[in-house]
Amino acid sequence: MNIVVTGANRGIGLEFVRQYLARGERVVGAVRDPASAEALHALGAAHPGRLRVLACDVGDDASVADFARELGAEAVDVLVNNAGMRDEWASLEAVSTAEALRVYSVNALGPVRVTRALLPNLLKAGTRKVVHISSGMGSIGDNRSGGAYAYRMSKAALNMASRSLALDLRDRDVVSVVFNPGWVQTDMGGPSAPLAVGASVRALVGLIDGLTLAESGSFLNWSGKAYEW
């Protein structure tokens, strides 16, 4: 299969690349700055000919368009919209609306930009799956601590975008789901997180393999259970 992973230079994105390469897939890793993606290039060296590293800032229309042109006419079986950012988790009084707009552009609109740009590539594939990495913090029903305005709002918006994509693309056999990967030991999740990144991604890859149109539009936990909207 041909896999595209955004935000592939670290954390969950890098682990997706690692695991897909390990099982023999061809992967495109999209990152803002390919020159600084040392760990990603090391994976490419270990799997010659099966990893392309391309520039893509999902928060910028022109960059996403350039990425799609660079990718060319290649079919895409699975698109993993993983790229995201977290703002400073400030109090209500300290929230920066400018920073919140940037977070929203990356976390909510970024996956829409990339999915729209790569739709022709997805439609060339037999397997047509679009996976968005959301967060439990994007769940309205599970919000019991407040705060984190920009991040929470952007992930909730991403969840809605995925649901609309699932409905709009169903007649073209494109699956769209959002996953909560759990609280994972990454730069964002921190070392005290209870879930190793390898375990989370291993579970997600298995779930992606089994996705059908019946699950399209769902919000799923890394364990495969439906997550509260």
C-alpha atoms as a PDB file:
ATOM      1  CA  MET A   1       0.000   0.000   0.000  1.00  0.00           C
ATOM      2  CA  ASN A   2       0.921   3.647  -0.395  1.00  0.00           C
ATOM      3  CA  ILE A   3       0.654   5.594   2.868  1.00  0.00           C
ATOM      4  CA  VAL A   4       0.895   9.358   3.456  1.00  0.00           C
ATOM      5  CA  VAL A   5       1.607  10.594   6.981  1.00  0.00           C
ATOM      6  CA  THR A   6       1.642  14.292   7.872  1.00  0.00           C
ATOM      7  CA  GLY A   7       3.636  15.535  10.834  1.00  0.00           C
ATOM      8  CA  ALA A   8       5.948  12.586  10.268  1.00  0.00           C
ATOM      9  CA  ASN A   9       9.112  13.942  11.871  1.00  0.00           C
ATOM     10  CA  ARG A  10       8.397  12.981  15.496  1.00  0.00           C
ATOM     11  CA  GLY A  11       6.048  11.368  17.971  1.00  0.00           C
ATOM     12  CA  ILE A  12       2.986   9.560  16.661  1.00  0.00           C
ATOM     13  CA  GLY A  13       3.659  10.508  13.036  1.00  0.00           C
ATOM     14  CA  LEU A  14       7.210   9.157  13.104  1.00  0.00           C
ATOM     15  CA  GLU A  15       5.985   5.946  14.711  1.00  0.00           C
ATOM     16  CA  PHE A  16       3.367   5.490  11.981  1.00  0.00           C
ATOM     17  CA  VAL A  17       6.147   5.768   9.404  1.00  0.00           C
ATOM     18  CA  ARG A  18       8.341   3.327  11.319  1.00  0.00           C
ATOM     19  CA  GLN A  19       5.648   0.694  11.642  1.00  0.00           C
ATOM     20  CA  TYR A  20       4.364   0.957   8.080  1.00  0.00           C
ATOM     21  CA  LEU A  21       7.891   0.715   6.680  1.00  0.00           C
ATOM     22  CA  ALA A  22       8.630  -2.280   8.914  1.00  0.00           C
ATOM     23  CA  ARG A  23       5.811  -4.225   7.335  1.00  0.00           C
ATOM     24  CA  GLY A  24       6.805  -3.361   3.777  1.00  0.00           C
ATOM     25  CA  GLU A  25       4.557  -0.434   2.815  1.00  0.00           C
ATOM     26  CA  ARG A  26       5.617   2.582   0.756  1.00  0.00           C
ATOM     27  CA  VAL A  27       5.370   5.797   2.757  1.00  0.00           C
ATOM     28  CA  VAL A  28       5.435   9.529   2.098  1.00  0.00           C
ATOM     29  CA  GLY A  29       6.366  11.506   5.189  1.00  0.00           C
ATOM     30  CA  ALA A  30       5.156  15.112   5.073  1.00  0.00           C
ATOM     31  CA  VAL A  31       7.000  17.582   7.311  1.00  0.00           C
ATOM     32  CA  ARG A  32       7.420  21.343   7.456  1.00  0.00           C
ATOM     33  CA  ASP A  33      11.212  21.177   7.182  1.00  0.00           C
ATOM     34  CA  PRO A  34      12.606  18.017   5.553  1.00  0.00           C
ATOM     35  CA  ALA A  35      16.187  19.117   6.169  1.00  0.00           C
ATOM     36  CA  SER A  36      15.740  18.906   9.939  1.00  0.00           C
ATOM     37  CA  ALA A  37      13.859  15.583   9.974  1.00  0.00           C
ATOM     38  CA  GLU A  38      16.903  13.505  10.928  1.00  0.00           C
ATOM     39  CA  ALA A  39      15.044  10.567  12.474  1.00  0.00           C
ATOM     40  CA  LEU A  40      12.805  10.340   9.415  1.00  0.00           C
ATOM     41  CA  HIS A  41      15.771  10.307   7.041  1.00  0.00           C
ATOM     42  CA  ALA A  42      17.385   7.593   9.155  1.00  0.00           C
ATOM     43  CA  LEU A  43      14.296   5.448   8.630  1.00  0.00           C
ATOM     44  CA  GLY A  44      14.539   6.102   4.903  1.00  0.00           C
ATOM     45  CA  ALA A  45      18.143   4.945   4.874  1.00  0.00           C
ATOM     46  CA  ALA A  46      17.119   1.746   6.656  1.00  0.00           C
ATOM     47  CA  HIS A  47      14.374   1.103   4.095  1.00  0.00           C
ATOM     48  CA  PRO A  48      15.828   2.267   0.775  1.00  0.00           C
ATOM     49  CA  GLY A  49      13.393   3.191  -1.951  1.00  0.00           C
ATOM     50  CA  ARG A  50      10.272   3.046   0.227  1.00  0.00           C
ATOM     51  CA  LEU A  51      10.187   6.440   1.959  1.00  0.00           C
ATOM     52  CA  ARG A  52       9.837   9.887   0.404  1.00  0.00           C
ATOM     53  CA  VAL A  53      10.193  12.923   2.648  1.00  0.00           C
ATOM     54  CA  LEU A  54       8.360  15.965   1.289  1.00  0.00           C
ATOM     55  CA  ALA A  55       7.766  19.475   2.579  1.00  0.00           C
ATOM     56  CA  CYS A  56       4.261  20.342   3.731  1.00  0.00           C
ATOM     57  CA  ASP A  57       2.990  22.929   6.187  1.00  0.00           C
ATOM     58  CA  VAL A  58      -0.620  21.863   6.655  1.00  0.00           C
ATOM     59  CA  GLY A  59      -1.477  25.338   7.931  1.00  0.00           C
ATOM     60  CA  ASP A  60      -0.604  26.981   4.620  1.00  0.00           C
ATOM     61  CA  ASP A  61      -2.684  26.640   1.446  1.00  0.00           C
ATOM     62  CA  ALA A  62       0.252  27.179  -0.908  1.00  0.00           C
ATOM     63  CA  SER A  63       2.454  24.660   0.892  1.00  0.00           C
ATOM     64  CA  VAL A  64      -0.251  21.981   0.738  1.00  0.00           C
ATOM     65  CA  ALA A  65      -0.774  22.675  -2.978  1.00  0.00           C
ATOM     66  CA  ASP A  66       2.983  22.370  -3.582  1.00  0.00           C
ATOM     67  CA  PHE A  67       3.026  19.098  -1.636  1.00  0.00           C
ATOM     68  CA  ALA A  68       0.230  17.661  -3.773  1.00  0.00           C
ATOM     69  CA  ARG A  69       2.057  18.656  -6.971  1.00  0.00           C
ATOM     70  CA  GLU A  70       5.283  17.081  -5.694  1.00  0.00           C
ATOM     71  CA  LEU A  71       3.453  13.875  -4.834  1.00  0.00           C
ATOM     72  CA  GLY A  72       2.150  13.758  -8.386  1.00  0.00           C
ATOM     73  CA  ALA A  73      -0.355  11.206  -9.660  1.00  0.00           C
ATOM     74  CA  GLU A  74       0.613   8.476  -7.206  1.00  0.00           C
ATOM     75  CA  ALA A  75      -2.314   6.593  -5.670  1.00  0.00           C
ATOM     76  CA  VAL A  76      -2.781   6.981  -1.901  1.00  0.00           C
ATOM     77  CA  ASP A  77      -4.357   4.067  -0.041  1.00  0.00           C
ATOM     78  CA  VAL A  78      -4.213   5.580   3.442  1.00  0.00           C
ATOM     79  CA  LEU A  79      -3.846   9.231   4.434  1.00  0.00           C
ATOM     80  CA  VAL A  80      -2.943   9.785   8.086  1.00  0.00           C
ATOM     81  CA  ASN A  81      -3.657  13.398   9.006  1.00  0.00           C
ATOM     82  CA  ASN A  82      -1.456  13.524  12.068  1.00  0.00           C
ATOM     83  CA  ALA A  83       0.195  16.965  11.921  1.00  0.00           C
ATOM     84  CA  GLY A  84      -0.941  19.223  14.723  1.00  0.00           C
ATOM     85  CA  MET A  85       0.118  21.805  17.250  1.00  0.00           C
ATOM     86  CA  ARG A  86      -0.644  22.746  20.822  1.00  0.00           C
ATOM     87  CA  ASP A  87      -0.823  26.276  22.133  1.00  0.00           C
ATOM     88  CA  GLU A  88       0.239  27.415  25.569  1.00  0.00           C
ATOM     89  CA  TRP A  89      -2.531  26.188  27.828  1.00  0.00           C
ATOM     90  CA  ALA A  90      -3.338  29.602  29.220  1.00  0.00           C
ATOM     91  CA  SER A  91      -6.189  30.729  31.422  1.00  0.00           C
ATOM     92  CA  LEU A  92      -9.257  32.287  29.826  1.00  0.00           C
ATOM     93  CA  GLU A  93      -7.900  35.737  30.592  1.00  0.00           C
ATOM     94  CA  ALA A  94      -4.584  34.941  28.895  1.00  0.00           C
ATOM     95  CA  VAL A  95      -5.833  33.217  25.735  1.00  0.00           C
ATOM     96  CA  SER A  96      -4.234  34.688  22.611  1.00  0.00           C
ATOM     97  CA  THR A  97      -6.813  34.794  19.841  1.00  0.00           C
ATOM     98  CA  ALA A  98      -4.060  35.099  17.229  1.00  0.00           C
ATOM     99  CA  GLU A  99      -2.410  31.921  18.528  1.00  0.00           C
ATOM    100  CA  ALA A 100      -5.786  30.196  18.757  1.00  0.00           C
ATOM    101  CA  LEU A 101      -6.447  30.961  15.093  1.00  0.00           C
ATOM    102  CA  ARG A 102      -3.090  29.428  14.156  1.00  0.00           C
ATOM    103  CA  VAL A 103      -3.880  26.295  16.182  1.00  0.00           C
ATOM    104  CA  TYR A 104      -7.292  26.060  14.507  1.00  0.00           C
ATOM    105  CA  SER A 105      -5.757  26.488  11.051  1.00  0.00           C
ATOM    106  CA  VAL A 106      -3.313  23.638  11.649  1.00  0.00           C
ATOM    107  CA  ASN A 107      -5.428  21.197  13.674  1.00  0.00           C
ATOM    108  CA  ALA A 108      -8.869  21.655  12.092  1.00  0.00           C
ATOM    109  CA  LEU A 109      -8.362  23.131   8.630  1.00  0.00           C
ATOM    110  CA  GLY A 110      -5.024  21.397   7.975  1.00  0.00           C
ATOM    111  CA  PRO A 111      -6.562  17.927   7.545  1.00  0.00           C
ATOM    112  CA  VAL A 112      -9.267  19.429   5.318  1.00  0.00           C
ATOM    113  CA  ARG A 113      -6.634  21.118   3.153  1.00  0.00           C
ATOM    114  CA  VAL A 114      -4.608  17.919   2.780  1.00  0.00           C
ATOM    115  CA  THR A 115      -7.597  15.634   2.190  1.00  0.00           C
ATOM    116  CA  ARG A 116      -8.983  17.967  -0.471  1.00  0.00           C
ATOM    117  CA  ALA A 117      -5.609  18.264  -2.195  1.00  0.00           C
ATOM    118  CA  LEU A 118      -5.003  14.487  -2.204  1.00  0.00           C
ATOM    119  CA  LEU A 119      -8.539  13.420  -3.064  1.00  0.00           C
ATOM    120  CA  PRO A 120      -7.571  12.596  -6.692  1.00  0.00           C
ATOM    121  CA  ASN A 121      -4.785  10.377  -5.331  1.00  0.00           C
ATOM    122  CA  LEU A 122      -7.137   8.639  -2.912  1.00  0.00           C
ATOM    123  CA  LEU A 123      -9.634   7.958  -5.671  1.00  0.00           C
ATOM    124  CA  LYS A 124      -6.939   6.158  -7.677  1.00  0.00           C
ATOM    125  CA  ALA A 125      -6.472   3.602  -4.903  1.00  0.00           C
ATOM    126  CA  GLY A 126      -8.503   0.534  -4.107  1.00  0.00           C
ATOM    127  CA  THR A 127      -8.200   1.245  -0.393  1.00  0.00           C
ATOM    128  CA  ARG A 128      -9.451   4.767   0.318  1.00  0.00           C
ATOM    129  CA  LYS A 129      -8.981   5.591   3.982  1.00  0.00           C
ATOM    130  CA  VAL A 130      -8.503   8.988   5.610  1.00  0.00           C
ATOM    131  CA  VAL A 131      -7.524   8.883   9.270  1.00  0.00           C
ATOM    132  CA  HIS A 132      -7.402  12.003  11.431  1.00  0.00           C
ATOM    133  CA  ILE A 133      -5.508  11.969  14.721  1.00  0.00           C
ATOM    134  CA  SER A 134      -7.734  13.828  17.136  1.00  0.00           C
ATOM    135  CA  SER A 135      -7.647  13.778  20.935  1.00  0.00           C
ATOM    136  CA  GLY A 136      -9.778  12.971  23.908  1.00  0.00           C
ATOM    137  CA  MET A 137      -9.493  16.678  24.613  1.00  0.00           C
ATOM    138  CA  GLY A 138     -11.637  17.264  21.534  1.00  0.00           C
ATOM    139  CA  SER A 139     -14.529  15.419  23.168  1.00  0.00           C
ATOM    140  CA  ILE A 140     -17.245  17.763  24.427  1.00  0.00           C
ATOM    141  CA  GLY A 141     -18.833  15.057  26.558  1.00  0.00           C
ATOM    142  CA  ASP A 142     -15.496  14.133  28.156  1.00  0.00           C
ATOM    143  CA  ASN A 143     -14.457  17.693  29.025  1.00  0.00           C
ATOM    144  CA  ARG A 144     -14.407  17.683  32.820  1.00  0.00           C
ATOM    145  CA  SER A 145     -11.513  20.048  33.477  1.00  0.00           C
ATOM    146  CA  GLY A 146     -12.032  23.028  31.147  1.00  0.00           C
ATOM    147  CA  GLY A 147      -9.180  25.172  29.858  1.00  0.00           C
ATOM    148  CA  ALA A 148      -7.015  24.460  26.805  1.00  0.00           C
ATOM    149  CA  TYR A 149      -9.400  26.536  24.720  1.00  0.00           C
ATOM    150  CA  ALA A 150      -7.586  26.616  21.387  1.00  0.00           C
ATOM    151  CA  TYR A 151      -6.520  22.978  21.427  1.00  0.00           C
ATOM    152  CA  ARG A 152      -9.856  21.595  22.598  1.00  0.00           C
ATOM    153  CA  MET A 153     -11.846  23.722  20.136  1.00  0.00           C
ATOM    154  CA  SER A 154      -9.586  22.850  17.197  1.00  0.00           C
ATOM    155  CA  LYS A 155      -9.864  19.110  17.828  1.00  0.00           C
ATOM    156  CA  ALA A 156     -13.639  19.297  18.245  1.00  0.00           C
ATOM    157  CA  ALA A 157     -13.770  21.107  14.895  1.00  0.00           C
ATOM    158  CA  LEU A 158     -11.589  18.396  13.344  1.00  0.00           C
ATOM    159  CA  ASN A 159     -14.063  15.787  14.577  1.00  0.00           C
ATOM    160  CA  MET A 160     -16.895  17.629  12.830  1.00  0.00           C
ATOM    161  CA  ALA A 161     -14.847  17.972   9.633  1.00  0.00           C
ATOM    162  CA  SER A 162     -14.211  14.226   9.565  1.00  0.00           C
ATOM    163  CA  ARG A 163     -17.921  13.518   9.963  1.00  0.00           C
ATOM    164  CA  SER A 164     -18.746  15.806   7.019  1.00  0.00           C
ATOM    165  CA  LEU A 165     -16.005  14.228   4.901  1.00  0.00           C
ATOM    166  CA  ALA A 166     -17.426  10.795   5.674  1.00  0.00           C
ATOM    167  CA  LEU A 167     -20.856  11.853   4.468  1.00  0.00           C
ATOM    168  CA  ASP A 168     -19.676  13.797   1.415  1.00  0.00           C
ATOM    169  CA  LEU A 169     -17.261  11.092   0.214  1.00  0.00           C
ATOM    170  CA  ARG A 170     -19.264   7.965   1.037  1.00  0.00           C
ATOM    171  CA  ASP A 171     -20.528   7.587  -2.531  1.00  0.00           C
ATOM    172  CA  ARG A 172     -16.878   7.515  -3.645  1.00  0.00           C
ATOM    173  CA  ASP A 173     -16.041   4.769  -1.134  1.00  0.00           C
ATOM    174  CA  VAL A 174     -13.740   6.993   0.936  1.00  0.00           C
ATOM    175  CA  VAL A 175     -13.614   6.212   4.650  1.00  0.00           C
ATOM    176  CA  SER A 176     -13.021   9.097   7.078  1.00  0.00           C
ATOM    177  CA  VAL A 177     -12.569   8.540  10.819  1.00  0.00           C
ATOM    178  CA  VAL A 178     -11.048  10.356  13.793  1.00  0.00           C
ATOM    179  CA  PHE A 179      -8.973   8.529  16.382  1.00  0.00           C
ATOM    180  CA  ASN A 180      -8.138   9.410  19.945  1.00  0.00           C
ATOM    181  CA  PRO A 181      -4.653   7.868  20.253  1.00  0.00           C
ATOM    182  CA  GLY A 182      -4.748   8.027  24.042  1.00  0.00           C
ATOM    183  CA  TRP A 183      -2.416   9.883  26.375  1.00  0.00           C
ATOM    184  CA  VAL A 184       0.848   8.928  24.713  1.00  0.00           C
ATOM    185  CA  GLN A 185       4.490   9.335  25.716  1.00  0.00           C
ATOM    186  CA  THR A 186       5.548  11.923  23.125  1.00  0.00           C
ATOM    187  CA  ASP A 187       6.959  15.448  23.259  1.00  0.00           C
ATOM    188  CA  MET A 188       3.364  16.671  23.461  1.00  0.00           C
ATOM    189  CA  GLY A 189       2.065  14.030  25.872  1.00  0.00           C
ATOM    190  CA  GLY A 190       5.086  14.082  28.154  1.00  0.00           C
ATOM    191  CA  PRO A 191       7.055  11.290  29.851  1.00  0.00           C
ATOM    192  CA  SER A 192       4.393  10.664  32.505  1.00  0.00           C
ATOM    193  CA  ALA A 193       1.799   9.580  29.938  1.00  0.00           C
ATOM    194  CA  PRO A 194       0.652   5.988  30.571  1.00  0.00           C
ATOM    195  CA  LEU A 195       0.729   4.766  26.956  1.00  0.00           C
ATOM    196  CA  ALA A 196       3.878   4.059  24.925  1.00  0.00           C
ATOM    197  CA  VAL A 197       3.773   5.542  21.439  1.00  0.00           C
ATOM    198  CA  GLY A 198       4.592   2.193  19.856  1.00  0.00           C
ATOM    199  CA  ALA A 199       1.646   0.489  21.550  1.00  0.00           C
ATOM    200  CA  SER A 200      -0.781   3.239  20.556  1.00  0.00           C
ATOM    201  CA  VAL A 201       0.263   3.286  16.916  1.00  0.00           C
ATOM    202  CA  ARG A 202       0.381  -0.503  16.693  1.00  0.00           C
ATOM    203  CA  ALA A 203      -3.244  -0.605  17.803  1.00  0.00           C
ATOM    204  CA  LEU A 204      -4.199   2.201  15.419  1.00  0.00           C
ATOM    205  CA  VAL A 205      -2.539   0.529  12.426  1.00  0.00           C
ATOM    206  CA  GLY A 206      -4.521  -2.629  13.143  1.00  0.00           C
ATOM    207  CA  LEU A 207      -7.742  -0.645  13.378  1.00  0.00           C
ATOM    208  CA  ILE A 208      -6.978   1.188  10.126  1.00  0.00           C
ATOM    209  CA  ASP A 209      -6.447  -2.135   8.364  1.00  0.00           C
ATOM    210  CA  GLY A 210      -9.935  -3.226   9.349  1.00  0.00           C
ATOM    211  CA  LEU A 211     -11.820  -0.005   8.631  1.00  0.00           C
ATOM    212  CA  THR A 212     -14.807  -0.211   6.301  1.00  0.00           C
ATOM    213  CA  LEU A 213     -17.457   2.239   5.176  1.00  0.00           C
ATOM    214  CA  ALA A 214     -19.541   1.042   8.124  1.00  0.00           C
ATOM    215  CA  GLU A 215     -17.131   2.826  10.492  1.00  0.00           C
ATOM    216  CA  SER A 216     -16.824   5.962   8.360  1.00  0.00           C
ATOM    217  CA  GLY A 217     -17.747   9.070  10.324  1.00  0.00           C
ATOM    218  CA  SER A 218     -16.834   7.505  13.681  1.00  0.00           C
ATOM    219  CA  PHE A 219     -14.769   8.859  16.582  1.00  0.00           C
ATOM    220  CA  LEU A 220     -12.810   5.880  17.893  1.00  0.00           C
ATOM    221  CA  ASN A 221     -10.455   5.302  20.777  1.00  0.00           C
ATOM    222  CA  TRP A 222      -7.085   3.606  20.169  1.00  0.00           C
ATOM    223  CA  SER A 223      -8.637   0.487  21.661  1.00  0.00           C
ATOM    224  CA  GLY A 224     -11.274   0.468  18.918  1.00  0.00           C
ATOM    225  CA  LYS A 225     -14.204   1.575  21.067  1.00  0.00           C
ATOM    226  CA  ALA A 226     -16.448   4.474  20.139  1.00  0.00           C
ATOM    227  CA  TYR A 227     -15.379   7.680  21.893  1.00  0.00           C
ATOM    228  CA  GLU A 228     -17.809  10.237  23.269  1.00  0.00           C
ATOM    229  CA  TRP A 229     -18.308  13.225  20.966  1.00  0.00           C
END
